[in-house]
Protein backbone atom coordinates (compact mmCIF):
# COMPACT_ATOMS: atom_id res chain seq x y z
CA UNK A 1 0.00 0.00 0.00
CA UNK A 2 2.85 2.37 0.81
CA UNK A 3 4.30 1.77 -2.63
CA UNK A 4 0.97 2.76 -4.20
CA UNK A 5 0.91 6.04 -2.28
CA UNK A 6 4.50 6.78 -3.31
CA UNK A 7 3.68 6.02 -6.95
CA UNK A 8 0.59 8.24 -6.89
CA UNK A 9 2.60 11.00 -5.22
CA UNK A 10 5.28 10.81 -7.91
CA UNK A 11 2.67 10.93 -10.67
CA UNK A 12 1.02 13.99 -9.12
CA UNK A 13 4.40 15.69 -8.62
CA UNK A 14 5.36 14.94 -12.21
CA UNK A 15 2.09 16.38 -13.49
CA UNK A 16 2.57 19.50 -11.37
CA UNK A 17 6.11 20.02 -12.67
CA UNK A 18 5.03 19.42 -16.26
CA UNK A 19 2.13 21.87 -15.99
CA UNK A 20 4.36 24.62 -14.62
CA UNK A 21 7.01 24.04 -17.30
CA UNK A 22 4.29 24.42 -19.92
CA UNK A 23 3.00 27.62 -18.31
CA UNK A 24 6.54 29.01 -18.09
CA UNK A 25 7.11 28.28 -21.76
CA UNK A 26 3.92 29.96 -22.96
CA UNK A 27 3.76 32.89 -20.52
CA UNK A 28 7.49 33.61 -20.11
CA UNK A 29 9.91 32.05 -22.57
CA UNK A 30 7.89 32.49 -25.77
CA UNK A 31 7.10 36.16 -25.12
CA UNK A 32 10.32 37.60 -23.70
CA UNK A 33 13.98 38.02 -24.54
CA UNK A 34 16.63 36.41 -22.32
CA UNK A 35 17.64 38.66 -19.45
CA UNK A 36 14.48 40.76 -19.51
CA UNK A 37 12.66 41.69 -16.32
CA UNK A 38 9.62 39.54 -17.09
CA UNK A 39 11.83 36.56 -18.01
CA UNK A 40 13.47 36.79 -14.58
CA UNK A 41 10.24 37.53 -12.64
CA UNK A 42 8.20 34.87 -14.43
CA UNK A 43 10.86 32.25 -13.80
CA UNK A 44 10.92 33.03 -10.08
CA UNK A 45 7.11 32.85 -9.88
CA UNK A 46 7.09 29.53 -11.75
CA UNK A 47 9.18 28.12 -8.91
CA UNK A 48 7.70 29.88 -5.88
CA UNK A 49 3.97 29.50 -6.61
CA UNK A 50 3.94 25.69 -6.79
CA UNK A 51 6.04 25.59 -3.63
CA UNK A 52 3.34 27.56 -1.78
CA UNK A 53 0.74 25.09 -3.09
CA UNK A 54 2.74 22.12 -1.84
CA UNK A 55 3.24 23.91 1.48
CA UNK A 56 -0.49 24.58 1.82
CA UNK A 57 -1.33 20.93 1.13
CA UNK A 58 1.32 19.53 3.47
CA UNK A 59 1.31 21.99 6.37
CA UNK A 60 -2.02 20.87 7.84
CA UNK A 61 -1.12 17.20 7.70
CA UNK A 62 2.32 17.88 9.17
CA UNK A 63 0.89 19.61 12.26
CA UNK A 64 2.31 23.02 11.39
CA UNK A 65 1.21 26.03 13.47
CA UNK A 66 -2.19 27.32 12.35
CA UNK A 67 -0.75 30.74 11.56
CA UNK A 68 1.68 29.14 9.08
CA UNK A 69 -1.23 27.22 7.52
CA UNK A 70 -3.09 30.49 7.02
CA UNK A 71 -0.06 32.20 5.49
CA UNK A 72 0.48 29.38 2.99
CA UNK A 73 -3.19 28.67 2.28
CA UNK A 74 -4.12 31.92 0.56
CA UNK A 75 -1.45 31.94 -2.19
CA UNK A 76 -1.14 28.15 -2.32
CA UNK A 77 -4.80 27.27 -2.82
CA UNK A 78 -5.63 30.29 -4.98
CA UNK A 79 -2.76 29.37 -7.27
CA UNK A 80 -4.27 25.89 -7.69
CA UNK A 81 -7.42 27.45 -9.13
CA UNK A 82 -5.36 29.84 -11.27
CA UNK A 83 -3.33 26.89 -12.55
CA UNK A 84 -6.48 25.06 -13.62
CA UNK A 85 -8.01 27.94 -15.55
CA UNK A 86 -4.73 29.18 -17.04
CA UNK A 87 -4.16 25.67 -18.36
CA UNK A 88 -7.66 25.48 -19.83
CA UNK A 89 -7.26 28.91 -21.42
CA UNK A 90 -3.89 27.96 -22.90
CA UNK A 91 -5.31 24.73 -24.32
CA UNK A 92 -7.98 26.80 -26.08
CA UNK A 93 -5.22 29.13 -27.29
CA UNK A 94 -3.32 26.16 -28.73
CA UNK A 95 -6.23 25.54 -31.07
CA UNK A 96 -6.05 29.14 -32.29
CA UNK A 97 -2.28 28.83 -32.67
CA UNK A 98 -2.67 25.67 -34.73
CA UNK A 99 -5.25 27.24 -37.04
CA UNK A 100 -3.15 30.35 -37.67
CA UNK A 101 0.19 28.59 -38.12
CA UNK A 102 -0.51 25.11 -39.45
CA UNK A 103 -3.63 25.19 -41.60
CA UNK A 104 -3.62 26.34 -45.25
CA UNK A 105 -6.04 29.14 -44.34
CA UNK A 106 -3.75 30.47 -41.63
CA UNK A 107 -0.62 30.25 -43.79
CA UNK A 108 -2.42 32.00 -46.65
CA UNK A 109 -3.34 34.90 -44.38
CA UNK A 110 0.24 35.18 -43.19
CA UNK A 111 1.67 35.44 -46.73
CA UNK A 112 -1.13 37.48 -48.33
CA UNK A 113 -0.14 41.06 -49.28
CA UNK A 114 -1.84 43.87 -47.41
CA UNK A 115 -4.67 45.57 -49.31
CA UNK A 116 -6.58 48.77 -48.76
CA UNK A 117 -4.70 51.41 -50.79
CA UNK A 118 -1.94 52.04 -53.32
CA UNK A 119 1.60 51.29 -52.30
CA UNK A 120 3.39 54.48 -51.22
CA UNK A 121 5.88 55.80 -53.74
CA UNK A 122 9.51 55.45 -52.70
CA UNK A 123 11.10 58.64 -51.44
CA UNK A 124 13.39 60.23 -54.07
CA UNK A 125 17.07 60.03 -53.36
CA UNK A 126 18.66 63.44 -52.74
CA UNK A 127 20.90 64.74 -55.47
CA UNK A 128 24.55 64.69 -54.56
CA UNK A 129 25.90 68.07 -53.56
CA UNK A 130 28.46 69.52 -55.93
CA UNK A 131 30.19 71.21 -53.06
CA UNK A 132 30.53 68.04 -51.06
CA UNK A 133 34.08 66.95 -50.63
CA UNK A 134 35.11 63.75 -52.29
CA UNK A 135 35.64 60.84 -50.00
CA UNK A 136 34.21 57.54 -48.82
CA UNK A 137 30.48 57.16 -48.29
CA UNK A 138 29.31 57.89 -44.74
CA UNK A 139 28.76 54.88 -42.52
CA UNK A 140 25.18 53.66 -42.24
CA UNK A 141 23.21 54.68 -39.16
CA UNK A 142 23.19 52.14 -36.36
CA UNK A 143 20.42 53.64 -34.30
CA UNK A 144 17.66 56.21 -34.33
CA UNK A 145 18.36 59.92 -33.93
CA UNK A 146 16.05 62.91 -33.66
CA UNK A 147 14.21 63.31 -36.95
CA UNK A 148 15.50 60.01 -38.29
CA UNK A 149 13.09 57.56 -39.96
CA UNK A 150 15.28 54.59 -39.04
CA UNK A 151 13.79 52.15 -36.46
CA UNK A 152 16.19 51.89 -33.49
CA UNK A 153 17.85 48.52 -33.15
CA UNK A 154 17.09 48.61 -29.41
CA UNK A 155 13.35 48.33 -30.18
CA UNK A 156 13.00 45.77 -32.97
CA UNK A 157 9.60 45.07 -34.46
CA UNK A 158 8.44 41.64 -33.14
CA UNK A 159 8.05 38.86 -35.64
CA UNK A 160 4.60 37.47 -36.42
CA UNK A 161 5.40 34.42 -34.28
CA UNK A 162 6.27 36.56 -31.25
CA UNK A 163 3.27 38.83 -31.79
CA UNK A 164 0.96 35.80 -31.89
CA UNK A 165 2.57 34.29 -28.77
CA UNK A 166 2.15 37.55 -26.83
CA UNK A 167 -1.44 38.06 -27.95
CA UNK A 168 -2.46 34.53 -26.98
CA UNK A 169 -0.59 34.75 -23.65
CA UNK A 170 -2.30 38.01 -22.71
CA UNK A 171 -5.72 36.68 -23.71
CA UNK A 172 -5.26 33.35 -21.89
CA UNK A 173 -3.87 35.11 -18.81
CA UNK A 174 -6.80 37.52 -18.62
CA UNK A 175 -9.32 34.69 -19.10
CA UNK A 176 -7.73 32.35 -16.53
CA UNK A 177 -7.07 34.94 -13.83
CA UNK A 178 -10.41 36.66 -14.43
CA UNK A 179 -12.29 33.40 -14.05
CA UNK A 180 -10.49 32.64 -10.79
CA UNK A 181 -11.13 36.14 -9.42
CA UNK A 182 -14.84 35.94 -10.21
CA UNK A 183 -15.07 32.49 -8.59
CA UNK A 184 -13.30 33.71 -5.44
CA UNK A 185 -15.59 36.72 -5.18
CA UNK A 186 -18.61 34.40 -5.28
CA UNK A 187 -17.34 32.37 -2.31
CA UNK A 188 -16.10 35.28 -0.19
CA UNK A 189 -19.29 37.26 -0.80
CA UNK A 190 -21.37 34.54 0.88
CA UNK A 191 -23.84 31.91 -0.34
CA UNK A 192 -26.89 32.59 -2.48
CA UNK A 193 -30.31 31.78 -1.07
CA UNK A 194 -32.50 29.21 -2.81
CA UNK A 195 -36.10 28.19 -2.16
CA UNK A 196 -37.58 24.79 -2.97
CA UNK A 197 -40.95 23.19 -2.20
CA UNK A 198 -40.98 19.40 -1.79
CA UNK A 199 -44.29 17.50 -1.40
CA UNK A 200 -44.24 14.43 0.87
CA UNK A 201 -46.98 11.83 0.65
CA UNK A 202 -47.08 11.07 4.39
CA UNK A 203 -46.64 14.60 5.68
CA UNK A 204 -49.34 15.67 8.11
CA UNK A 205 -51.46 18.66 7.19
CA UNK A 206 -50.31 20.62 10.22
CA UNK A 207 -46.70 20.31 9.00
CA UNK A 208 -47.48 21.51 5.48
CA UNK A 209 -45.48 24.69 4.93
CA UNK A 210 -42.77 23.66 7.42
CA UNK A 211 -39.53 25.43 6.35
CA UNK A 212 -36.11 23.80 6.75
CA UNK A 213 -32.91 25.78 6.16
CA UNK A 214 -30.39 23.36 4.65
CA UNK A 215 -26.67 24.19 4.75
CA UNK A 216 -23.68 21.95 4.18
CA UNK A 217 -19.93 22.00 3.49
CA UNK A 218 -19.15 25.25 5.28
CA UNK A 219 -15.50 24.14 5.51
CA UNK A 220 -14.13 26.45 8.17
CA UNK A 221 -10.35 26.35 7.93
CA UNK A 222 -7.22 28.44 7.33
CA UNK A 223 -9.02 30.57 4.69
CA UNK A 224 -12.73 30.61 5.57
CA UNK A 225 -13.19 31.76 9.15
CA UNK A 226 -15.50 33.60 11.51
CA UNK A 227 -16.65 36.20 8.96
CA UNK A 228 -17.66 33.37 6.62
CA UNK A 229 -19.71 31.73 9.38
CA UNK A 230 -21.37 35.05 10.23
CA UNK A 231 -22.45 35.59 6.61
CA UNK A 232 -24.06 32.15 6.57
CA UNK A 233 -25.82 32.68 9.91
CA UNK A 234 -27.15 36.06 8.76
CA UNK A 235 -28.44 34.51 5.53
CA UNK A 236 -30.26 31.75 7.42
CA UNK A 237 -31.72 34.00 10.11
CA UNK A 238 -33.19 36.37 7.53
CA UNK A 239 -35.37 33.52 6.26
CA UNK A 240 -36.86 32.86 9.73
CA UNK A 241 -36.92 29.06 9.25
CA UNK A 242 -38.71 26.51 11.40
CA UNK A 243 -35.61 24.30 11.52
CA UNK A 244 -31.90 24.50 10.61
CA UNK A 245 -29.99 21.46 9.33
CA UNK A 246 -26.19 21.46 8.98
CA UNK A 247 -25.43 18.43 6.81
CA UNK A 248 -21.74 17.78 7.50
CA UNK A 249 -18.27 19.05 6.57
CA UNK A 250 -18.45 22.03 8.88
CA UNK A 251 -14.71 22.20 9.60
CA UNK A 252 -11.20 21.38 8.39
CA UNK A 253 -9.25 21.63 11.61
CA UNK A 254 -9.33 21.40 15.39
CA UNK A 255 -11.62 23.02 17.94
CA UNK A 256 -8.59 24.82 19.33
CA UNK A 257 -7.84 26.50 16.01
CA UNK A 258 -11.36 26.93 14.63
CA UNK A 259 -13.61 27.12 17.69
CA UNK A 260 -13.77 30.94 17.47
CA UNK A 261 -14.65 30.69 13.77
CA UNK A 262 -17.65 28.49 14.60
CA UNK A 263 -18.87 30.73 17.42
CA UNK A 264 -21.48 32.62 15.30
CA UNK A 265 -23.46 29.36 15.00
CA UNK A 266 -24.67 30.10 18.52
CA UNK A 267 -26.78 32.89 17.02
CA UNK A 268 -28.79 30.63 14.67
CA UNK A 269 -32.51 31.19 15.22
CA UNK A 270 -35.40 28.85 14.36
CA UNK A 271 -38.60 27.60 16.00
CA UNK A 272 -37.40 24.00 16.43
CA UNK A 273 -33.64 24.42 16.77
CA UNK A 274 -30.50 23.55 14.78
CA UNK A 275 -29.26 20.04 14.02
CA UNK A 276 -25.99 18.61 12.72
CA UNK A 277 -24.63 15.38 11.24
CA UNK A 278 -21.00 14.57 10.59
CA UNK A 279 -19.39 14.67 7.16
CA UNK A 280 -16.26 12.93 5.99
CA UNK A 281 -14.04 15.91 6.89
CA UNK A 282 -15.02 15.79 10.56
CA UNK A 283 -13.36 12.36 10.75
CA UNK A 284 -10.09 13.70 9.32
CA UNK A 285 -9.73 15.37 12.73
CA UNK A 286 -11.33 14.90 16.14
CA UNK A 287 -15.02 14.41 15.37
CA UNK A 288 -15.89 13.83 19.04
CA UNK A 289 -14.42 17.18 20.06
CA UNK A 290 -16.50 18.97 17.45
CA UNK A 291 -19.70 17.15 18.38
CA UNK A 292 -19.20 18.21 22.00
CA UNK A 293 -18.36 21.78 21.02
CA UNK A 294 -21.45 22.11 18.83
CA UNK A 295 -23.64 21.14 21.77
CA UNK A 296 -22.14 24.13 23.60
CA UNK A 297 -23.23 26.29 20.64
CA UNK A 298 -26.84 25.05 20.92
CA UNK A 299 -26.49 22.91 17.78
CA UNK A 300 -27.82 19.39 18.35
CA UNK A 301 -25.83 16.53 16.77
CA UNK A 302 -27.86 13.58 15.49
CA UNK A 303 -25.48 10.63 15.82
CA UNK A 304 -27.58 7.84 14.33
CA UNK A 305 -30.55 9.33 16.14
CA UNK A 306 -34.07 10.64 15.53
CA UNK A 307 -36.29 13.44 16.83
CA UNK A 308 -40.07 13.66 16.56
CA UNK A 309 -41.24 17.03 15.24
CA UNK A 310 -44.77 18.26 14.56
CA UNK A 311 -46.01 16.26 11.57
CA UNK A 312 -42.83 14.31 10.72
CA UNK A 313 -39.65 12.74 12.13
CA UNK A 314 -36.14 14.16 11.67
CA UNK A 315 -33.33 11.58 11.64
CA UNK A 316 -29.59 11.79 11.15
CA UNK A 317 -26.82 9.26 10.51
CA UNK A 318 -23.05 9.50 10.81
CA UNK A 319 -20.98 9.78 7.65
CA UNK A 320 -19.53 6.72 5.92
CA UNK A 321 -16.03 7.95 6.78
CA UNK A 322 -16.78 7.16 10.42
CA UNK A 323 -16.72 3.43 9.65
CA UNK A 324 -12.92 3.51 9.87
CA UNK A 325 -13.33 4.51 13.52
CA UNK A 326 -16.22 2.19 14.24
CA UNK A 327 -18.71 5.07 14.10
CA UNK A 328 -20.33 4.70 10.70
CA UNK A 329 -23.99 5.14 9.83
CA UNK A 330 -26.50 2.95 11.67
CA UNK A 331 -29.82 3.19 9.85
CA UNK A 332 -31.59 0.71 12.11
CA UNK A 333 -30.68 2.76 15.18
CA UNK A 334 -31.76 6.01 13.55
CA UNK A 335 -34.88 4.75 11.81
CA UNK A 336 -35.97 1.61 13.65
CA UNK A 337 -39.02 1.43 15.95
CA UNK A 338 -40.61 4.52 14.46
CA UNK A 339 -44.19 5.13 13.38
CA UNK A 340 -44.00 4.35 9.66
CA UNK A 341 -47.23 6.26 8.99
CA UNK A 342 -45.31 9.48 9.67
CA UNK A 343 -43.00 11.08 7.10
CA UNK A 344 -39.30 11.00 7.93
CA UNK A 345 -36.59 13.43 6.75
CA UNK A 346 -33.05 12.04 6.95
CA UNK A 347 -29.87 14.08 7.27
CA UNK A 348 -27.01 12.16 5.60
CA UNK A 349 -23.89 13.90 4.31
CA UNK A 350 -23.14 11.90 1.16
CA UNK A 351 -25.70 11.46 -1.65
CA UNK A 352 -24.60 7.85 -2.17
CA UNK A 353 -26.26 7.02 1.16
CA UNK A 354 -29.65 7.43 -0.51
CA UNK A 355 -29.76 3.76 -1.50
CA UNK A 356 -29.76 2.66 2.16
CA UNK A 357 -32.27 5.42 2.89
CA UNK A 358 -34.59 4.07 0.20
CA UNK A 359 -34.31 0.58 1.69
CA UNK A 360 -35.45 2.06 5.02
CA UNK A 361 -38.40 3.91 3.42
CA UNK A 362 -37.10 7.41 4.03
CA UNK A 363 -39.31 10.08 2.45
CA UNK A 364 -36.64 12.77 1.96
CA UNK A 365 -32.86 12.74 2.36
CA UNK A 366 -30.92 16.00 2.74
CA UNK A 367 -27.26 15.80 1.63
CA UNK A 368 -24.24 17.84 0.56
CA UNK A 369 -20.67 16.63 -0.01
CA UNK A 370 -20.40 17.23 -3.77
CA UNK A 371 -20.04 21.05 -3.74
CA UNK A 372 -21.87 20.77 -7.06
CA UNK A 373 -18.44 20.02 -8.52
CA UNK A 374 -17.07 23.38 -7.20
CA UNK A 375 -14.65 24.02 -10.08
CA UNK A 376 -15.75 23.41 -13.67
CA UNK A 377 -15.33 20.80 -15.17
CA UNK A 378 -15.67 19.32 -11.68
CA UNK A 379 -19.41 18.52 -12.03
CA UNK A 380 -18.59 15.85 -14.61
CA UNK A 381 -16.06 14.23 -12.26
CA UNK A 382 -18.41 14.46 -9.26
CA UNK A 383 -21.10 12.66 -11.26
CA UNK A 384 -18.82 9.62 -11.51
CA UNK A 385 -18.92 9.08 -7.73
CA UNK A 386 -22.33 10.46 -6.73
CA UNK A 387 -25.83 9.50 -7.86
CA UNK A 388 -26.87 13.16 -7.77
CA UNK A 389 -24.44 16.09 -7.92
CA UNK A 390 -26.88 18.87 -7.04
CA UNK A 391 -30.60 19.51 -6.83
CA UNK A 392 -33.66 17.32 -6.29
CA UNK A 393 -33.90 13.73 -7.49
CA UNK A 394 -35.94 10.63 -6.75
CA UNK A 395 -34.90 7.05 -5.99
CA UNK A 396 -37.95 4.85 -5.69
CA UNK A 397 -40.21 6.41 -3.07
CA UNK A 398 -37.31 8.40 -1.57
CA UNK A 399 -36.55 11.93 -2.67
CA UNK A 400 -32.99 13.25 -2.42
CA UNK A 401 -32.01 16.90 -2.24
CA UNK A 402 -28.30 17.75 -2.60
CA UNK A 403 -27.15 21.27 -1.74
CA UNK A 404 -23.99 22.64 -3.37
CA UNK A 405 -22.78 23.76 0.05
CA UNK A 406 -21.98 27.17 1.50
CA UNK A 407 -18.18 27.06 1.48
CA UNK A 408 -15.32 25.60 -0.52
CA UNK A 409 -12.57 23.07 0.06
CA UNK A 410 -9.03 23.91 -1.05
CA UNK A 411 -9.23 26.96 -3.31
CA UNK A 412 -11.85 29.45 -2.04
CA UNK A 413 -13.18 29.51 -5.59
CA UNK A 414 -16.31 28.22 -7.30
CA UNK A 415 -16.88 28.19 -11.04
CA UNK A 416 -20.12 26.83 -12.45
CA UNK A 417 -21.32 25.72 -9.00
CA UNK A 418 -22.25 28.68 -6.83
CA UNK A 419 -22.47 28.21 -3.07
CA UNK A 420 -25.93 28.16 -1.55
CA UNK A 421 -28.20 27.91 1.46
CA UNK A 422 -31.54 26.31 0.58
CA UNK A 423 -34.85 26.80 2.32
CA UNK A 424 -36.87 23.62 1.74
CA UNK A 425 -40.61 24.02 2.28
CA UNK A 426 -42.40 20.74 3.02
CA UNK A 427 -45.84 20.35 1.49
CA UNK A 428 -48.54 17.80 2.20
CA UNK A 429 -49.22 15.79 -0.96
CA UNK A 430 -52.92 15.73 -1.81
């Protein structure tokens, strides 16, 4: 097993090195002269930026001080997103480069004479002066002088190849960095608010119209902290929900480091309280410590447990990741011995858990985990491992709603998968 991890690590490292060599070639070498300021600066960045990424990825696992994690996380994780979209932009630019340089149409345009007016007549040569003393011809000019029409040798006109390389580099750079900046703004500005009505066949009439605020994947860590939590709490409280459900992956760190960042959760307001189930990331640290701390914040963990609410039952199961610690989901404990004539809403972090939920006749499962793919083309990859990536779906008699989550893991960037808090309104099915 250790050999497999080493092999995977070498493959990832090789891909990272190869990607940065390609970026250096297109953004630095192809567009600059040796010794220029951008050649030197670009080369330094091509070395330092991936080192910050490696540092951000390793520092948390190595037990580095939290302050060091924060210092490395911002440039390291943001550069990961920049790397992705700069690479995608350059790959699109390669197609343009191929068309202009390799196809008959592109070569024809390069060799075609310019049109649009008559060629200017050549300037007449001055007549030799009779009074000029005889002697050798003057030496040709080697540089521009005031009033001279000669182009200075210190500022040569770039060749078509260099002009094309610079144009494509500037366009790809603007597209890649602009996409990353817009995606970061979306995360740091807070989640959008969505509303969804879901009819349940067994829901009692008195519970029709019951409103559940669903939030998942907040991912408090070295980048997203207390201000991020406060934005989410403010968004939820403005909706005045009947119930708040936090469906896992709240944190990426310890209570000691991130306890203050979670403190605003104490201010969540709803008629029937706030509930929490673990996600896979809680088990990467001390899940027990977080469960205990959330109780202090008036958030009630449902560890394979169930609560009876007016008109329906609310149940929650531990995440699959807990199985490694003997604390995985126990559907019989959470759903057994209940009144099956009542509707039941299940909190379960991962969408793949819906198959067990359907076997236990759950009416609605609330999940997160996928982030909606977070970074395009991530949704296509997420679909390979999850039955539903985002939104409402049905599996037999069980409905599944997957929120895209309110935070981000790794880069604080989302592209094509905006963060959200969803208010689910339950409706009695006539």
